[in-house]
Amino acid sequence: MNYLPFLESTGTEGAGTMTLVSMLIYIVVIGAVFYFFLIRPQKKQQKKMDALVSSLEIGDSVLTTAGFYGVVIDVMEEVVVVEFGNNKNCRIPMKKTAVVEVEKADNGENKESK
């Protein structure tokens, strides 16, 4: 009993080769599907997250992965210090990757005078 029927030749030499070629085509198609549905969107999301993290500045309002809103008071290489609530003593250092959303600080540049 042969468990690999695609390697078996049935009278002509081209039939086994043709089955092997069609199997390779299926593998390539499945690989392309994995790339376009899994790998590519993940890379786009990672680039978006990297852009968000690199745009952090002092005074920005942020939302953390834990669901807390705060204001950035210091930005270092991999760490950001966030102040939570009205209490000026509640300052917590955290990794930049813990930031989910950023709302840029409005320094009065976009306000219209009345």
N, C-alpha and C. Protein backbone atom coordinates (compact mmCIF):
# COMPACT_ATOMS: atom_id res chain seq x y z
N MET A 1 0.84 -1.17 0.00
CA MET A 1 0.00 0.00 0.00
C MET A 1 0.89 1.24 0.00
N ASN A 2 0.62 2.11 -0.91
CA ASN A 2 1.42 3.32 -1.05
C ASN A 2 0.70 4.49 -0.40
N TYR A 3 1.34 5.14 0.55
CA TYR A 3 0.73 6.26 1.26
C TYR A 3 0.97 7.59 0.57
N LEU A 4 1.78 7.65 -0.41
CA LEU A 4 2.07 8.86 -1.15
C LEU A 4 1.68 8.68 -2.62
N PRO A 5 0.40 8.80 -2.92
CA PRO A 5 -0.04 8.52 -4.29
C PRO A 5 0.47 9.52 -5.32
N PHE A 6 0.87 10.72 -4.91
CA PHE A 6 1.34 11.70 -5.88
C PHE A 6 2.72 11.36 -6.42
N LEU A 7 3.47 10.47 -5.73
CA LEU A 7 4.77 10.05 -6.21
C LEU A 7 4.68 8.81 -7.09
N GLU A 8 3.54 8.19 -7.10
CA GLU A 8 3.34 6.95 -7.85
C GLU A 8 3.13 7.28 -9.33
N SER A 9 3.83 6.60 -10.17
CA SER A 9 3.68 6.79 -11.61
C SER A 9 2.67 5.79 -12.14
N THR A 10 1.66 6.27 -12.88
CA THR A 10 0.60 5.39 -13.38
C THR A 10 0.73 5.17 -14.89
N GLY A 11 1.83 4.74 -15.33
CA GLY A 11 1.99 4.42 -16.75
C GLY A 11 2.72 5.49 -17.53
N THR A 12 2.58 6.74 -17.16
CA THR A 12 3.30 7.80 -17.87
C THR A 12 4.16 8.55 -16.88
N GLU A 13 5.26 9.04 -17.33
CA GLU A 13 6.19 9.76 -16.46
C GLU A 13 5.67 11.14 -16.10
N GLY A 14 4.89 11.77 -16.95
CA GLY A 14 4.40 13.12 -16.74
C GLY A 14 3.30 13.20 -15.69
N ALA A 15 2.57 12.14 -15.44
CA ALA A 15 1.45 12.19 -14.52
C ALA A 15 1.91 12.43 -13.08
N GLY A 16 2.96 11.75 -12.65
CA GLY A 16 3.48 11.93 -11.29
C GLY A 16 4.08 13.32 -11.11
N THR A 17 4.76 13.79 -12.14
CA THR A 17 5.36 15.12 -12.09
C THR A 17 4.29 16.19 -12.06
N MET A 18 3.24 15.99 -12.82
CA MET A 18 2.16 16.98 -12.87
C MET A 18 1.46 17.08 -11.51
N THR A 19 1.28 15.96 -10.84
CA THR A 19 0.65 15.97 -9.53
C THR A 19 1.56 16.67 -8.51
N LEU A 20 2.85 16.47 -8.60
CA LEU A 20 3.80 17.12 -7.71
C LEU A 20 3.81 18.63 -7.94
N VAL A 21 3.74 19.05 -9.19
CA VAL A 21 3.71 20.47 -9.52
C VAL A 21 2.43 21.11 -9.00
N SER A 22 1.30 20.43 -9.18
CA SER A 22 0.04 20.99 -8.69
C SER A 22 0.04 21.08 -7.16
N MET A 23 0.68 20.14 -6.49
CA MET A 23 0.77 20.19 -5.04
C MET A 23 1.64 21.37 -4.60
N LEU A 24 2.71 21.63 -5.30
CA LEU A 24 3.56 22.78 -4.99
C LEU A 24 2.81 24.09 -5.21
N ILE A 25 1.98 24.14 -6.24
CA ILE A 25 1.17 25.34 -6.49
C ILE A 25 0.21 25.57 -5.33
N TYR A 26 -0.42 24.51 -4.83
CA TYR A 26 -1.32 24.64 -3.68
C TYR A 26 -0.58 25.17 -2.45
N ILE A 27 0.62 24.68 -2.22
CA ILE A 27 1.40 25.14 -1.08
C ILE A 27 1.73 26.62 -1.21
N VAL A 28 2.10 27.06 -2.40
CA VAL A 28 2.40 28.48 -2.63
C VAL A 28 1.15 29.33 -2.41
N VAL A 29 0.01 28.87 -2.89
CA VAL A 29 -1.24 29.62 -2.71
C VAL A 29 -1.60 29.72 -1.23
N ILE A 30 -1.47 28.64 -0.49
CA ILE A 30 -1.76 28.66 0.94
C ILE A 30 -0.80 29.60 1.67
N GLY A 31 0.46 29.60 1.27
CA GLY A 31 1.44 30.53 1.85
C GLY A 31 1.07 31.98 1.58
N ALA A 32 0.61 32.28 0.37
CA ALA A 32 0.19 33.64 0.03
C ALA A 32 -1.03 34.06 0.86
N VAL A 33 -1.96 33.13 1.06
CA VAL A 33 -3.15 33.44 1.87
C VAL A 33 -2.73 33.76 3.30
N PHE A 34 -1.82 32.97 3.87
CA PHE A 34 -1.34 33.24 5.22
C PHE A 34 -0.69 34.62 5.28
N TYR A 35 0.11 34.95 4.28
CA TYR A 35 0.79 36.24 4.27
C TYR A 35 -0.23 37.39 4.25
N PHE A 36 -1.19 37.34 3.34
CA PHE A 36 -2.11 38.46 3.18
C PHE A 36 -3.16 38.56 4.28
N PHE A 37 -3.50 37.46 4.93
CA PHE A 37 -4.52 37.52 5.97
C PHE A 37 -3.97 37.53 7.39
N LEU A 38 -2.73 37.13 7.60
CA LEU A 38 -2.19 37.09 8.95
C LEU A 38 -0.96 37.97 9.15
N ILE A 39 0.04 37.81 8.32
CA ILE A 39 1.31 38.49 8.54
C ILE A 39 1.25 39.96 8.17
N ARG A 40 0.71 40.28 7.01
CA ARG A 40 0.68 41.66 6.53
C ARG A 40 -0.14 42.59 7.44
N PRO A 41 -1.35 42.22 7.87
CA PRO A 41 -2.08 43.10 8.79
C PRO A 41 -1.37 43.31 10.12
N GLN A 42 -0.69 42.27 10.59
CA GLN A 42 0.03 42.40 11.86
C GLN A 42 1.20 43.38 11.72
N LYS A 43 1.88 43.35 10.58
CA LYS A 43 2.98 44.29 10.34
C LYS A 43 2.45 45.72 10.24
N LYS A 44 1.30 45.91 9.60
CA LYS A 44 0.70 47.25 9.53
C LYS A 44 0.35 47.77 10.91
N GLN A 45 -0.22 46.91 11.74
CA GLN A 45 -0.59 47.30 13.10
C GLN A 45 0.65 47.63 13.92
N GLN A 46 1.73 46.88 13.73
CA GLN A 46 2.97 47.15 14.46
C GLN A 46 3.57 48.49 14.04
N LYS A 47 3.54 48.81 12.74
CA LYS A 47 4.04 50.10 12.28
C LYS A 47 3.22 51.25 12.85
N LYS A 48 1.90 51.06 12.92
CA LYS A 48 1.02 52.08 13.48
C LYS A 48 1.33 52.30 14.96
N MET A 49 1.56 51.21 15.70
CA MET A 49 1.88 51.30 17.12
C MET A 49 3.23 51.98 17.33
N ASP A 50 4.22 51.66 16.49
CA ASP A 50 5.54 52.29 16.58
C ASP A 50 5.45 53.79 16.34
N ALA A 51 4.62 54.19 15.37
CA ALA A 51 4.44 55.62 15.08
C ALA A 51 3.77 56.32 16.26
N LEU A 52 2.80 55.66 16.88
CA LEU A 52 2.10 56.22 18.04
C LEU A 52 3.07 56.42 19.20
N VAL A 53 3.89 55.42 19.47
CA VAL A 53 4.83 55.47 20.59
C VAL A 53 5.90 56.53 20.34
N SER A 54 6.37 56.65 19.11
CA SER A 54 7.42 57.62 18.83
C SER A 54 6.90 59.06 18.82
N SER A 55 5.59 59.24 18.74
CA SER A 55 5.04 60.59 18.71
C SER A 55 4.69 61.12 20.10
N LEU A 56 4.96 60.37 21.14
CA LEU A 56 4.65 60.81 22.50
C LEU A 56 5.47 62.04 22.88
N GLU A 57 4.79 63.03 23.44
CA GLU A 57 5.45 64.25 23.89
C GLU A 57 4.90 64.63 25.26
N ILE A 58 5.62 65.48 25.94
CA ILE A 58 5.18 65.96 27.25
C ILE A 58 3.89 66.77 27.08
N GLY A 59 2.90 66.48 27.92
CA GLY A 59 1.63 67.19 27.89
C GLY A 59 0.54 66.44 27.15
N ASP A 60 0.87 65.36 26.45
CA ASP A 60 -0.14 64.57 25.73
C ASP A 60 -1.02 63.80 26.71
N SER A 61 -2.29 63.71 26.39
CA SER A 61 -3.20 62.87 27.17
C SER A 61 -3.17 61.47 26.57
N VAL A 62 -3.03 60.46 27.42
CA VAL A 62 -2.89 59.09 26.94
C VAL A 62 -3.89 58.16 27.63
N LEU A 63 -4.19 57.07 26.97
CA LEU A 63 -4.97 55.97 27.53
C LEU A 63 -4.05 54.77 27.58
N THR A 64 -3.97 54.12 28.75
CA THR A 64 -3.08 52.97 28.90
C THR A 64 -3.82 51.68 28.63
N THR A 65 -3.09 50.59 28.55
CA THR A 65 -3.70 49.28 28.33
C THR A 65 -4.57 48.86 29.50
N ALA A 66 -4.33 49.43 30.68
CA ALA A 66 -5.13 49.12 31.86
C ALA A 66 -6.43 49.91 31.89
N GLY A 67 -6.57 50.88 30.98
CA GLY A 67 -7.80 51.67 30.91
C GLY A 67 -7.74 52.98 31.67
N PHE A 68 -6.56 53.39 32.11
CA PHE A 68 -6.41 54.65 32.85
C PHE A 68 -6.05 55.78 31.90
N TYR A 69 -6.65 56.95 32.14
CA TYR A 69 -6.31 58.15 31.40
C TYR A 69 -5.32 58.96 32.21
N GLY A 70 -4.33 59.53 31.53
CA GLY A 70 -3.35 60.34 32.24
C GLY A 70 -2.69 61.31 31.29
N VAL A 71 -1.76 62.10 31.86
CA VAL A 71 -1.03 63.11 31.10
C VAL A 71 0.46 62.78 31.19
N VAL A 72 1.14 62.82 30.08
CA VAL A 72 2.58 62.53 30.03
C VAL A 72 3.33 63.71 30.61
N ILE A 73 4.22 63.41 31.59
CA ILE A 73 5.02 64.49 32.16
C ILE A 73 6.51 64.31 31.88
N ASP A 74 6.91 63.13 31.43
CA ASP A 74 8.32 62.91 31.07
C ASP A 74 8.40 61.76 30.08
N VAL A 75 9.27 61.91 29.08
CA VAL A 75 9.46 60.88 28.07
C VAL A 75 10.94 60.51 28.04
N MET A 76 11.21 59.21 28.23
CA MET A 76 12.58 58.71 28.15
C MET A 76 12.67 57.73 26.99
N GLU A 77 13.74 56.98 26.92
CA GLU A 77 13.96 56.09 25.77
C GLU A 77 12.86 55.04 25.63
N GLU A 78 12.64 54.24 26.66
CA GLU A 78 11.63 53.19 26.61
C GLU A 78 10.53 53.38 27.66
N VAL A 79 10.69 54.40 28.49
CA VAL A 79 9.77 54.62 29.61
C VAL A 79 9.13 55.99 29.47
N VAL A 80 7.88 56.07 29.88
CA VAL A 80 7.18 57.34 29.92
C VAL A 80 6.58 57.48 31.32
N VAL A 81 6.65 58.69 31.90
CA VAL A 81 6.08 58.93 33.22
C VAL A 81 4.74 59.62 33.00
N VAL A 82 3.68 58.99 33.55
CA VAL A 82 2.32 59.48 33.36
C VAL A 82 1.74 59.91 34.70
N GLU A 83 1.08 61.07 34.69
CA GLU A 83 0.43 61.59 35.88
C GLU A 83 -1.06 61.31 35.79
N PHE A 84 -1.61 60.66 36.81
CA PHE A 84 -3.01 60.27 36.81
C PHE A 84 -3.80 61.12 37.79
N GLY A 85 -5.00 61.54 37.39
CA GLY A 85 -5.90 62.28 38.28
C GLY A 85 -5.42 63.68 38.57
N ASN A 86 -6.09 64.30 39.53
CA ASN A 86 -5.74 65.67 39.91
C ASN A 86 -4.64 65.73 40.95
N ASN A 87 -4.33 64.60 41.56
CA ASN A 87 -3.29 64.54 42.56
C ASN A 87 -1.93 64.57 41.86
N LYS A 88 -1.15 65.59 42.15
CA LYS A 88 0.15 65.75 41.49
C LYS A 88 1.18 64.72 41.96
N ASN A 89 0.85 63.96 43.01
CA ASN A 89 1.78 62.97 43.52
C ASN A 89 1.58 61.60 42.88
N CYS A 90 0.59 61.44 42.04
CA CYS A 90 0.31 60.15 41.41
C CYS A 90 0.97 60.09 40.04
N ARG A 91 2.26 59.86 40.05
CA ARG A 91 3.05 59.79 38.82
C ARG A 91 3.63 58.38 38.72
N ILE A 92 3.32 57.72 37.62
CA ILE A 92 3.73 56.32 37.47
C ILE A 92 4.57 56.16 36.21
N PRO A 93 5.78 55.62 36.34
CA PRO A 93 6.56 55.31 35.14
C PRO A 93 6.06 54.01 34.53
N MET A 94 5.95 53.97 33.22
CA MET A 94 5.51 52.76 32.52
C MET A 94 6.18 52.68 31.16
N LYS A 95 6.16 51.50 30.59
CA LYS A 95 6.74 51.31 29.25
C LYS A 95 5.89 52.05 28.24
N LYS A 96 6.53 52.51 27.19
CA LYS A 96 5.81 53.23 26.13
C LYS A 96 4.80 52.32 25.43
N THR A 97 5.08 51.03 25.41
CA THR A 97 4.19 50.10 24.73
C THR A 97 2.87 49.91 25.48
N ALA A 98 2.77 50.41 26.72
CA ALA A 98 1.54 50.31 27.48
C ALA A 98 0.54 51.40 27.09
N VAL A 99 0.95 52.31 26.22
CA VAL A 99 0.07 53.38 25.76
C VAL A 99 -0.71 52.88 24.56
N VAL A 100 -2.05 53.05 24.61
CA VAL A 100 -2.92 52.57 23.54
C VAL A 100 -3.37 53.71 22.64
N GLU A 101 -3.75 54.84 23.25
CA GLU A 101 -4.22 55.99 22.49
C GLU A 101 -3.52 57.25 22.97
N VAL A 102 -3.34 58.20 22.05
CA VAL A 102 -2.71 59.47 22.38
C VAL A 102 -3.57 60.59 21.84
N GLU A 103 -3.83 61.57 22.70
CA GLU A 103 -4.49 62.80 22.27
C GLU A 103 -3.49 63.91 22.48
N LYS A 104 -3.10 64.54 21.40
CA LYS A 104 -2.06 65.56 21.46
C LYS A 104 -2.50 66.75 22.30
N ALA A 105 -1.54 67.33 23.00
CA ALA A 105 -1.81 68.50 23.82
C ALA A 105 -2.05 69.69 22.91
N ASP A 106 -3.07 70.48 23.23
CA ASP A 106 -3.37 71.68 22.46
C ASP A 106 -2.78 72.86 23.21
N ASN A 107 -1.69 73.39 22.69
CA ASN A 107 -0.97 74.47 23.35
C ASN A 107 -1.48 75.85 22.97
N GLY A 108 -2.71 75.95 22.53
CA GLY A 108 -3.27 77.23 22.15
C GLY A 108 -2.98 77.61 20.71
N GLU A 109 -2.33 76.75 19.97
CA GLU A 109 -1.97 77.06 18.59
C GLU A 109 -3.19 77.03 17.67
N ASN A 110 -4.14 76.13 17.95
CA ASN A 110 -5.29 75.98 17.07
C ASN A 110 -6.52 76.77 17.52
N LYS A 111 -6.42 77.48 18.64
CA LYS A 111 -7.56 78.22 19.15
C LYS A 111 -7.72 79.54 18.40
N GLU A 112 -8.97 79.88 18.11
CA GLU A 112 -9.25 81.14 17.45
C GLU A 112 -9.50 82.21 18.49
N SER A 113 -9.03 83.42 18.25
CA SER A 113 -9.30 84.51 19.18
C SER A 113 -10.65 85.12 18.90
N LYS A 114 -11.37 85.49 19.96
CA LYS A 114 -12.72 86.04 19.80
C LYS A 114 -12.73 87.54 19.94
